[in-house]
C-alpha atoms as a PDB file:
ATOM      1  CA  MET A   1      -0.063 -21.975   6.023  1.00  0.00           C
ATOM      2  CA  ASN A   2       3.218 -23.343   4.109  1.00  0.00           C
ATOM      3  CA  ASN A   3       3.766 -21.650   0.566  1.00  0.00           C
ATOM      4  CA  TYR A   4       2.530 -24.228  -1.408  1.00  0.00           C
ATOM      5  CA  GLU A   5      -0.952 -23.911   0.669  1.00  0.00           C
ATOM      6  CA  ILE A   6      -0.563 -20.038  -0.034  1.00  0.00           C
ATOM      7  CA  MET A   7      -0.179 -20.667  -3.921  1.00  0.00           C
ATOM      8  CA  MET A   8      -3.423 -22.846  -3.881  1.00  0.00           C
ATOM      9  CA  ASN A   9      -5.891 -20.782  -1.864  1.00  0.00           C
ATOM     10  CA  GLY A  10      -4.212 -17.638  -2.268  1.00  0.00           C
ATOM     11  CA  ASN A  11      -5.143 -16.761   1.258  1.00  0.00           C
ATOM     12  CA  VAL A  12      -2.905 -14.060   1.984  1.00  0.00           C
ATOM     13  CA  LYS A  13      -4.308 -11.809   4.775  1.00  0.00           C
ATOM     14  CA  ILE A  14      -3.578  -8.508   6.434  1.00  0.00           C
ATOM     15  CA  GLY A  15      -1.048  -8.643   9.050  1.00  0.00           C
ATOM     16  CA  GLU A  16       1.272 -11.604   7.532  1.00  0.00           C
ATOM     17  CA  LEU A  17       4.367 -11.575   5.786  1.00  0.00           C
ATOM     18  CA  ALA A  18       3.806 -11.059   2.211  1.00  0.00           C
ATOM     19  CA  PRO A  19       4.881 -14.560   0.574  1.00  0.00           C
ATOM     20  CA  ASP A  20       8.665 -13.628  -0.940  1.00  0.00           C
ATOM     21  CA  PHE A  21       9.067 -14.177  -4.852  1.00  0.00           C
ATOM     22  CA  GLU A  22      11.939 -13.758  -7.633  1.00  0.00           C
ATOM     23  CA  ALA A  23      10.727 -12.366 -10.722  1.00  0.00           C
ATOM     24  CA  VAL A  24      11.831 -11.254 -14.372  1.00  0.00           C
ATOM     25  CA  THR A  25      10.367  -7.097 -14.390  1.00  0.00           C
ATOM     26  CA  THR A  26      10.703  -4.479 -17.571  1.00  0.00           C
ATOM     27  CA  MET A  27      13.815  -3.042 -15.381  1.00  0.00           C
ATOM     28  CA  GLY A  28      16.053  -6.952 -14.727  1.00  0.00           C
ATOM     29  CA  ASP A  29      15.311  -9.287 -12.452  1.00  0.00           C
ATOM     30  CA  ILE A  30      13.672  -8.772  -8.771  1.00  0.00           C
ATOM     31  CA  LYS A  31      13.420 -10.640  -5.450  1.00  0.00           C
ATOM     32  CA  LEU A  32      10.757  -8.733  -2.995  1.00  0.00           C
ATOM     33  CA  SER A  33      12.837  -9.517   0.208  1.00  0.00           C
ATOM     34  CA  ASN A  34      15.119  -6.935  -1.493  1.00  0.00           C
ATOM     35  CA  TYR A  35      12.566  -4.540  -0.610  1.00  0.00           C
ATOM     36  CA  LYS A  36      12.584  -4.290   3.652  1.00  0.00           C
ATOM     37  CA  GLY A  37      13.167  -1.263   4.452  1.00  0.00           C
ATOM     38  CA  LYS A  38      10.638   0.705   1.878  1.00  0.00           C
ATOM     39  CA  TRP A  39       7.111   0.453   1.460  1.00  0.00           C
ATOM     40  CA  VAL A  40       5.802  -1.681  -1.720  1.00  0.00           C
ATOM     41  CA  ILE A  41       2.790  -1.169  -3.527  1.00  0.00           C
ATOM     42  CA  LEU A  42       2.642  -4.592  -5.268  1.00  0.00           C
ATOM     43  CA  PHE A  43      -0.379  -4.373  -7.654  1.00  0.00           C
ATOM     44  CA  SER A  44      -2.075  -6.644 -11.059  1.00  0.00           C
ATOM     45  CA  HIS A  45      -3.680  -5.687 -13.751  1.00  0.00           C
ATOM     46  CA  PRO A  46      -5.422  -7.992 -16.734  1.00  0.00           C
ATOM     47  CA  GLY A  47      -3.202  -7.277 -19.485  1.00  0.00           C
ATOM     48  CA  ASP A  48      -1.124  -5.155 -21.770  1.00  0.00           C
ATOM     49  CA  PHE A  49      -2.290  -3.207 -24.497  1.00  0.00           C
ATOM     50  CA  THR A  50      -5.889  -2.416 -22.784  1.00  0.00           C
ATOM     51  CA  PRO A  51      -7.485   0.416 -22.320  1.00  0.00           C
ATOM     52  CA  VAL A  52      -7.947   1.136 -18.057  1.00  0.00           C
ATOM     53  CA  CYS A  53      -4.982  -0.581 -17.584  1.00  0.00           C
ATOM     54  CA  THR A  54      -3.180   2.064 -19.921  1.00  0.00           C
ATOM     55  CA  THR A  55      -4.763   4.425 -18.367  1.00  0.00           C
ATOM     56  CA  GLU A  56      -3.332   3.358 -14.601  1.00  0.00           C
ATOM     57  CA  MET A  57       0.126   2.916 -15.827  1.00  0.00           C
ATOM     58  CA  ILE A  58       0.365   6.742 -16.635  1.00  0.00           C
ATOM     59  CA  ALA A  59      -1.365   7.602 -13.693  1.00  0.00           C
ATOM     60  CA  PHE A  60       0.704   5.655 -11.598  1.00  0.00           C
ATOM     61  CA  THR A  61       3.522   6.990 -13.352  1.00  0.00           C
ATOM     62  CA  LYS A  62       2.901  10.698 -12.924  1.00  0.00           C
ATOM     63  CA  ALA A  63       2.088  10.298  -8.942  1.00  0.00           C
ATOM     64  CA  HIS A  64       5.460   8.268  -8.714  1.00  0.00           C
ATOM     65  CA  THR A  65       7.207  10.925  -7.275  1.00  0.00           C
ATOM     66  CA  TYR A  66       4.587  11.159  -4.451  1.00  0.00           C
ATOM     67  CA  PHE A  67       4.806   7.503  -3.516  1.00  0.00           C
ATOM     68  CA  LYS A  68       8.988   7.840  -3.455  1.00  0.00           C
ATOM     69  CA  ASN A  69       8.393  10.959  -0.831  1.00  0.00           C
ATOM     70  CA  LEU A  70       6.386   8.510   1.346  1.00  0.00           C
ATOM     71  CA  ASN A  71       9.203   5.715   1.166  1.00  0.00           C
ATOM     72  CA  THR A  72       7.507   3.697  -1.163  1.00  0.00           C
ATOM     73  CA  GLU A  73       7.841   1.878  -4.615  1.00  0.00           C
ATOM     74  CA  LEU A  74       5.628   0.297  -7.190  1.00  0.00           C
ATOM     75  CA  LEU A  75       5.365  -3.086  -8.781  1.00  0.00           C
ATOM     76  CA  GLY A  76       3.369  -3.544 -11.687  1.00  0.00           C
ATOM     77  CA  LEU A  77       2.420  -7.386 -12.543  1.00  0.00           C
ATOM     78  CA  SER A  78       0.316  -9.158 -14.801  1.00  0.00           C
ATOM     79  CA  ILE A  79       0.582 -12.944 -16.623  1.00  0.00           C
ATOM     80  CA  ASP A  80       2.269 -11.378 -19.845  1.00  0.00           C
ATOM     81  CA  SER A  81       5.553 -11.854 -20.923  1.00  0.00           C
ATOM     82  CA  ASN A  82       8.446  -9.823 -20.244  1.00  0.00           C
ATOM     83  CA  SER A  83       8.521  -8.946 -24.297  1.00  0.00           C
ATOM     84  CA  SER A  84       4.911  -8.011 -24.045  1.00  0.00           C
ATOM     85  CA  HIS A  85       5.111  -5.619 -20.914  1.00  0.00           C
ATOM     86  CA  LEU A  86       8.477  -4.096 -22.923  1.00  0.00           C
ATOM     87  CA  ALA A  87       6.294  -3.266 -26.197  1.00  0.00           C
ATOM     88  CA  TRP A  88       3.901  -2.003 -24.409  1.00  0.00           C
ATOM     89  CA  VAL A  89       5.318   0.472 -22.192  1.00  0.00           C
ATOM     90  CA  TYR A  90       7.042   1.412 -25.164  1.00  0.00           C
ATOM     91  CA  ASP A  91       4.001   2.574 -26.913  1.00  0.00           C
ATOM     92  CA  ILE A  92       2.771   4.366 -24.162  1.00  0.00           C
ATOM     93  CA  TYR A  93       6.057   6.319 -24.531  1.00  0.00           C
ATOM     94  CA  CYS A  94       5.772   7.026 -28.495  1.00  0.00           C
ATOM     95  CA  LYS A  95       2.283   7.805 -27.693  1.00  0.00           C
ATOM     96  CA  THR A  96       2.495  10.222 -24.820  1.00  0.00           C
ATOM     97  CA  GLY A  97       6.355  10.761 -23.941  1.00  0.00           C
ATOM     98  CA  ILE A  98       5.859   9.331 -20.678  1.00  0.00           C
ATOM     99  CA  LYS A  99       7.820   6.332 -19.940  1.00  0.00           C
ATOM    100  CA  VAL A 100       6.990   3.754 -17.012  1.00  0.00           C
ATOM    101  CA  SER A 101       9.244   4.652 -14.240  1.00  0.00           C
ATOM    102  CA  PHE A 102       8.845   1.234 -12.391  1.00  0.00           C
ATOM    103  CA  PRO A 103       9.287  -2.537 -12.967  1.00  0.00           C
ATOM    104  CA  ILE A 104       6.528  -4.508 -13.844  1.00  0.00           C
ATOM    105  CA  ILE A 105       6.308  -8.177 -13.388  1.00  0.00           C
ATOM    106  CA  ALA A 106       5.977 -11.024 -15.946  1.00  0.00           C
ATOM    107  CA  ASP A 107       4.312 -13.466 -14.410  1.00  0.00           C
ATOM    108  CA  ARG A 108       4.045 -15.924 -17.373  1.00  0.00           C
ATOM    109  CA  ASN A 109       2.887 -19.189 -15.405  1.00  0.00           C
ATOM    110  CA  GLY A 110       0.759 -17.234 -12.743  1.00  0.00           C
ATOM    111  CA  GLU A 111       2.810 -18.667  -9.790  1.00  0.00           C
ATOM    112  CA  ILE A 112       2.972 -15.166  -8.616  1.00  0.00           C
ATOM    113  CA  ALA A 113      -0.441 -14.052  -8.977  1.00  0.00           C
ATOM    114  CA  ARG A 114      -1.728 -17.361  -7.601  1.00  0.00           C
ATOM    115  CA  LYS A 115       0.085 -16.808  -4.416  1.00  0.00           C
ATOM    116  CA  TYR A 116      -1.020 -13.241  -3.733  1.00  0.00           C
ATOM    117  CA  GLY A 117      -4.891 -14.515  -4.875  1.00  0.00           C
ATOM    118  CA  MET A 118      -4.810 -12.325  -7.633  1.00  0.00           C
ATOM    119  CA  ILE A 119      -6.648 -14.422  -9.802  1.00  0.00           C
ATOM    120  CA  ALA A 120     -10.430 -14.594  -9.829  1.00  0.00           C
ATOM    121  CA  ASN A 121     -11.979 -18.147 -10.878  1.00  0.00           C
ATOM    122  CA  ASP A 122     -15.471 -16.632 -11.650  1.00  0.00           C
ATOM    123  CA  ILE A 123     -14.045 -14.077 -13.769  1.00  0.00           C
ATOM    124  CA  SER A 124     -11.212 -15.485 -15.564  1.00  0.00           C
ATOM    125  CA  ASN A 125      -8.937 -18.090 -15.377  1.00  0.00           C
ATOM    126  CA  THR A 126      -6.160 -16.878 -16.310  1.00  0.00           C
ATOM    127  CA  GLU A 127      -6.607 -12.651 -16.277  1.00  0.00           C
ATOM    128  CA  THR A 128      -5.400 -11.344 -13.014  1.00  0.00           C
ATOM    129  CA  VAL A 129      -8.231  -8.556 -11.224  1.00  0.00           C
ATOM    130  CA  ARG A 130      -7.192  -5.001 -10.063  1.00  0.00           C
ATOM    131  CA  ASN A 131      -5.579  -5.900  -6.790  1.00  0.00           C
ATOM    132  CA  VAL A 132      -3.352  -3.475  -4.732  1.00  0.00           C
ATOM    133  CA  PHE A 133      -1.488  -5.013  -1.874  1.00  0.00           C
ATOM    134  CA  VAL A 134       0.108  -2.247   0.713  1.00  0.00           C
ATOM    135  CA  ILE A 135       3.317  -3.772   2.127  1.00  0.00           C
ATOM    136  CA  ASP A 136       5.113  -1.587   4.956  1.00  0.00           C
ATOM    137  CA  ASP A 137       8.747  -1.793   5.388  1.00  0.00           C
ATOM    138  CA  LYS A 138       9.057  -4.330   7.648  1.00  0.00           C
ATOM    139  CA  GLY A 139       7.576  -6.359   4.745  1.00  0.00           C
ATOM    140  CA  VAL A 140       3.946  -7.072   5.936  1.00  0.00           C
ATOM    141  CA  ILE A 141       0.983  -6.883   4.347  1.00  0.00           C
ATOM    142  CA  ARG A 142      -1.224  -3.480   5.871  1.00  0.00           C
ATOM    143  CA  THR A 143      -3.925  -3.235   3.172  1.00  0.00           C
ATOM    144  CA  ILE A 144      -5.296  -5.097   0.252  1.00  0.00           C
ATOM    145  CA  LEU A 145      -7.748  -3.743  -2.128  1.00  0.00           C
ATOM    146  CA  ILE A 146      -9.650  -5.725  -5.162  1.00  0.00           C
ATOM    147  CA  TYR A 147     -11.092  -4.034  -8.068  1.00  0.00           C
ATOM    148  CA  PRO A 148     -13.280  -5.399 -10.889  1.00  0.00           C
ATOM    149  CA  LEU A 149     -11.515  -5.292 -14.243  1.00  0.00           C
ATOM    150  CA  ASN A 150     -13.481  -2.638 -15.606  1.00  0.00           C
ATOM    151  CA  ILE A 151     -12.842   0.124 -12.851  1.00  0.00           C
ATOM    152  CA  GLY A 152      -9.615   1.876 -12.860  1.00  0.00           C
ATOM    153  CA  ARG A 153      -7.585   2.430  -9.367  1.00  0.00           C
ATOM    154  CA  PHE A 154      -7.781   5.704  -7.981  1.00  0.00           C
ATOM    155  CA  ILE A 155      -4.417   6.588  -7.117  1.00  0.00           C
ATOM    156  CA  PRO A 156      -4.765   9.383  -4.559  1.00  0.00           C
ATOM    157  CA  GLU A 157      -6.822   6.818  -2.225  1.00  0.00           C
ATOM    158  CA  ILE A 158      -3.855   4.163  -2.406  1.00  0.00           C
ATOM    159  CA  ILE A 159      -1.719   7.303  -1.574  1.00  0.00           C
ATOM    160  CA  ARG A 160      -3.922   8.291   1.490  1.00  0.00           C
ATOM    161  CA  ILE A 161      -3.711   4.955   2.839  1.00  0.00           C
ATOM    162  CA  ILE A 162       0.358   4.909   2.863  1.00  0.00           C
ATOM    163  CA  GLU A 163      -0.083   8.243   4.590  1.00  0.00           C
ATOM    164  CA  ALA A 164      -2.376   7.085   6.852  1.00  0.00           C
ATOM    165  CA  LEU A 165      -0.627   4.271   7.727  1.00  0.00           C
ATOM    166  CA  GLN A 166       2.644   5.892   8.597  1.00  0.00           C
ATOM    167  CA  THR A 167       0.908   8.442  10.552  1.00  0.00           C
ATOM    168  CA  ALA A 168      -0.817   5.738  12.949  1.00  0.00           C
ATOM    169  CA  ASP A 169       2.519   3.409  13.196  1.00  0.00           C
ATOM    170  CA  CYS A 170       4.440   7.062  13.540  1.00  0.00           C
ATOM    171  CA  ASN A 171       1.773   8.267  16.640  1.00  0.00           C
ATOM    172  CA  LYS A 172       1.116   4.662  17.699  1.00  0.00           C
ATOM    173  CA  ALA A 173      -2.518   6.336  17.079  1.00  0.00           C
ATOM    174  CA  SER A 174      -5.614   5.796  14.681  1.00  0.00           C
ATOM    175  CA  THR A 175      -7.154   7.905  11.880  1.00  0.00           C
ATOM    176  CA  PRO A 176     -11.188   8.792  11.839  1.00  0.00           C
ATOM    177  CA  ALA A 177     -12.943   8.361   8.895  1.00  0.00           C
ATOM    178  CA  ASN A 178     -12.225  10.308   5.925  1.00  0.00           C
ATOM    179  CA  TRP A 179      -8.842  11.576   7.533  1.00  0.00           C
ATOM    180  CA  ILE A 180      -6.498  13.197   5.183  1.00  0.00           C
ATOM    181  CA  PRO A 181      -2.984  14.381   6.030  1.00  0.00           C
ATOM    182  CA  ASN A 182      -2.704  17.365   8.447  1.00  0.00           C
ATOM    183  CA  GLN A 183      -6.113  16.677  10.247  1.00  0.00           C
ATOM    184  CA  PRO A 184      -5.997  14.920  13.814  1.00  0.00           C
ATOM    185  CA  ILE A 185      -5.897  11.400  14.389  1.00  0.00           C
ATOM    186  CA  ILE A 186      -7.865   9.365  17.188  1.00  0.00           C
ATOM    187  CA  VAL A 187      -6.192   8.807  20.672  1.00  0.00           C
ATOM    188  CA  PRO A 188      -5.648   5.509  21.610  1.00  0.00           C
ATOM    189  CA  ALA A 189      -8.383   4.784  24.100  1.00  0.00           C
ATOM    190  CA  PRO A 190      -7.150   4.076  28.556  1.00  0.00           C
ATOM    191  CA  LYS A 191      -7.498   0.847  29.440  1.00  0.00           C
ATOM    192  CA  THR A 192      -8.124   1.769  33.293  1.00  0.00           C
ATOM    193  CA  PHE A 193     -10.817   3.353  34.522  1.00  0.00           C
ATOM    194  CA  GLU A 194      -8.626   5.953  36.459  1.00  0.00           C
ATOM    195  CA  GLY A 195      -7.565   6.497  32.636  1.00  0.00           C
ATOM    196  CA  LEU A 196     -11.098   7.184  31.612  1.00  0.00           C
ATOM    197  CA  LEU A 197     -11.548   9.662  34.589  1.00  0.00           C
ATOM    198  CA  GLU A 198      -8.642  11.519  33.327  1.00  0.00           C
ATOM    199  CA  ARG A 199      -9.795  11.587  29.481  1.00  0.00           C
ATOM    200  CA  ASN A 200     -13.052  12.958  30.238  1.00  0.00           C
ATOM    201  CA  GLU A 201     -11.395  15.871  32.053  1.00  0.00           C
ATOM    202  CA  GLU A 202      -9.174  16.255  29.454  1.00  0.00           C
ATOM    203  CA  ILE A 203     -12.141  16.498  26.715  1.00  0.00           C
ATOM    204  CA  GLU A 204     -14.084  18.812  28.866  1.00  0.00           C
ATOM    205  CA  LYS A 205     -11.100  21.040  29.374  1.00  0.00           C
ATOM    206  CA  ASN A 206     -10.016  20.613  26.056  1.00  0.00           C
ATOM    207  CA  LYS A 207     -12.986  19.972  23.814  1.00  0.00           C
ATOM    208  CA  ASN A 208     -10.972  17.678  21.675  1.00  0.00           C
ATOM    209  CA  GLY A 209     -13.330  14.515  21.546  1.00  0.00           C
ATOM    210  CA  MET A 210     -16.700  12.885  22.332  1.00  0.00           C
ATOM    211  CA  SER A 211     -15.972  10.924  25.244  1.00  0.00           C
ATOM    212  CA  TRP A 212     -13.621   8.618  27.265  1.00  0.00           C
ATOM    213  CA  TYR A 213     -13.151   5.908  24.152  1.00  0.00           C
ATOM    214  CA  LEU A 214     -13.166   8.830  21.253  1.00  0.00           C
ATOM    215  CA  SER A 215     -10.995  11.698  21.210  1.00  0.00           C
ATOM    216  CA  PHE A 216      -8.454  13.129  19.015  1.00  0.00           C
ATOM    217  CA  LYS A 217      -4.877  15.191  18.805  1.00  0.00           C
ATOM    218  CA  GLU A 218      -2.672  16.379  16.548  1.00  0.00           C
ATOM    219  CA  SER A 219       0.135  14.299  14.826  1.00  0.00           C
ATOM    220  CA  ASP A 220       3.517  14.425  16.277  1.00  0.00           C
ATOM    221  CA  CYS A 221       5.217  13.618  12.492  1.00  0.00           C
ATOM    222  CA  ASP A 222       3.969  15.300   9.402  1.00  0.00           C
ATOM    223  CA  ILE A 223       4.931  12.592   6.847  1.00  0.00           C
ATOM    224  CA  ARG A 224       4.620  14.850   4.136  1.00  0.00           C
ATOM    225  CA  ASN A 225       7.499  17.618   5.764  1.00  0.00           C
ATOM    226  CA  LEU A 226       9.595  14.853   7.120  1.00  0.00           C
ATOM    227  CA  ASN A 227      11.972  12.300   5.777  1.00  0.00           C
ATOM    228  CA  TYR A 228      11.430   9.047   6.680  1.00  0.00           C
ATOM    229  CA  ASN A 229      13.919   9.087   9.104  1.00  0.00           C
ATOM    230  CA  GLU A 230      12.687  11.472  10.770  1.00  0.00           C
ATOM    231  CA  VAL A 231       9.455   9.375  10.775  1.00  0.00           C
ATOM    232  CA  LYS A 232      10.754   6.635  12.142  1.00  0.00           C
ATOM    233  CA  LYS A 233      13.093   8.376  15.081  1.00  0.00           C
ATOM    234  CA  ILE A 234       9.336   9.919  16.278  1.00  0.00           C
ATOM    235  CA  GLU A 235       8.047   6.300  16.121  1.00  0.00           C
ATOM    236  CA  SER A 236      10.635   5.017  18.169  1.00  0.00           C
ATOM    237  CA  LYS A 237       9.997   7.812  20.875  1.00  0.00           C
ATOM    238  CA  ASN A 238       6.264   7.577  20.785  1.00  0.00           C
ATOM    239  CA  MET A 239       7.415   3.637  21.354  1.00  0.00           C
ATOM    240  CA  GLU A 240       9.067   4.593  24.151  1.00  0.00           C
ATOM    241  CA  LYS A 241       6.695   6.024  25.938  1.00  0.00           C
ATOM    242  CA  LYS A 242       4.285   2.903  25.598  1.00  0.00           C
END
């Protein structure tokens, strides 16, 4: 699918490269492809000077250090102008003392919003709904979340998603329901009958699973306590074992 089709359909999917763009922001001009090597949270909000969005900007700013510790940058977006964004973040600063610590994109003509499918025409032809795109360090879209206009996002869950994705990548494994850091992860199921028998013997011995297709192990890397380069080294070693 070419960029024009993506722009018209808003048809971005998990596993695809995130469409590149250049944008004016509250922190200067940016290009998405310049973030390669870092994870990115690209999120849209319906409009400046709105109550739910204001609480989200404050919440994202308060959590920014946690995102940075996960090699992750934040990018906000709405179709408001850069002047409006600046006035809004200044008002937040004047009222709370909090400086919004990440760029907010001024997508005045809606080009980026439509490219990413951030505008739900059944709700509004102009306002962006609350989308969240988790983009990995290779520029690939890994998670897409969509919230209605009147429901604020739960920032700890967005952080947990990044932790789960990075842990799964590092271990070449999966995370179970309700997983949080420092809990066991799911071991990939064996692909041969011999491997199945060996896995069942291991489960019987170690009591670390339900059956050959569902067993657990401790993570090889604690992403909260390792820096990102160390995590990538462990991920490379696990790749070599495959």
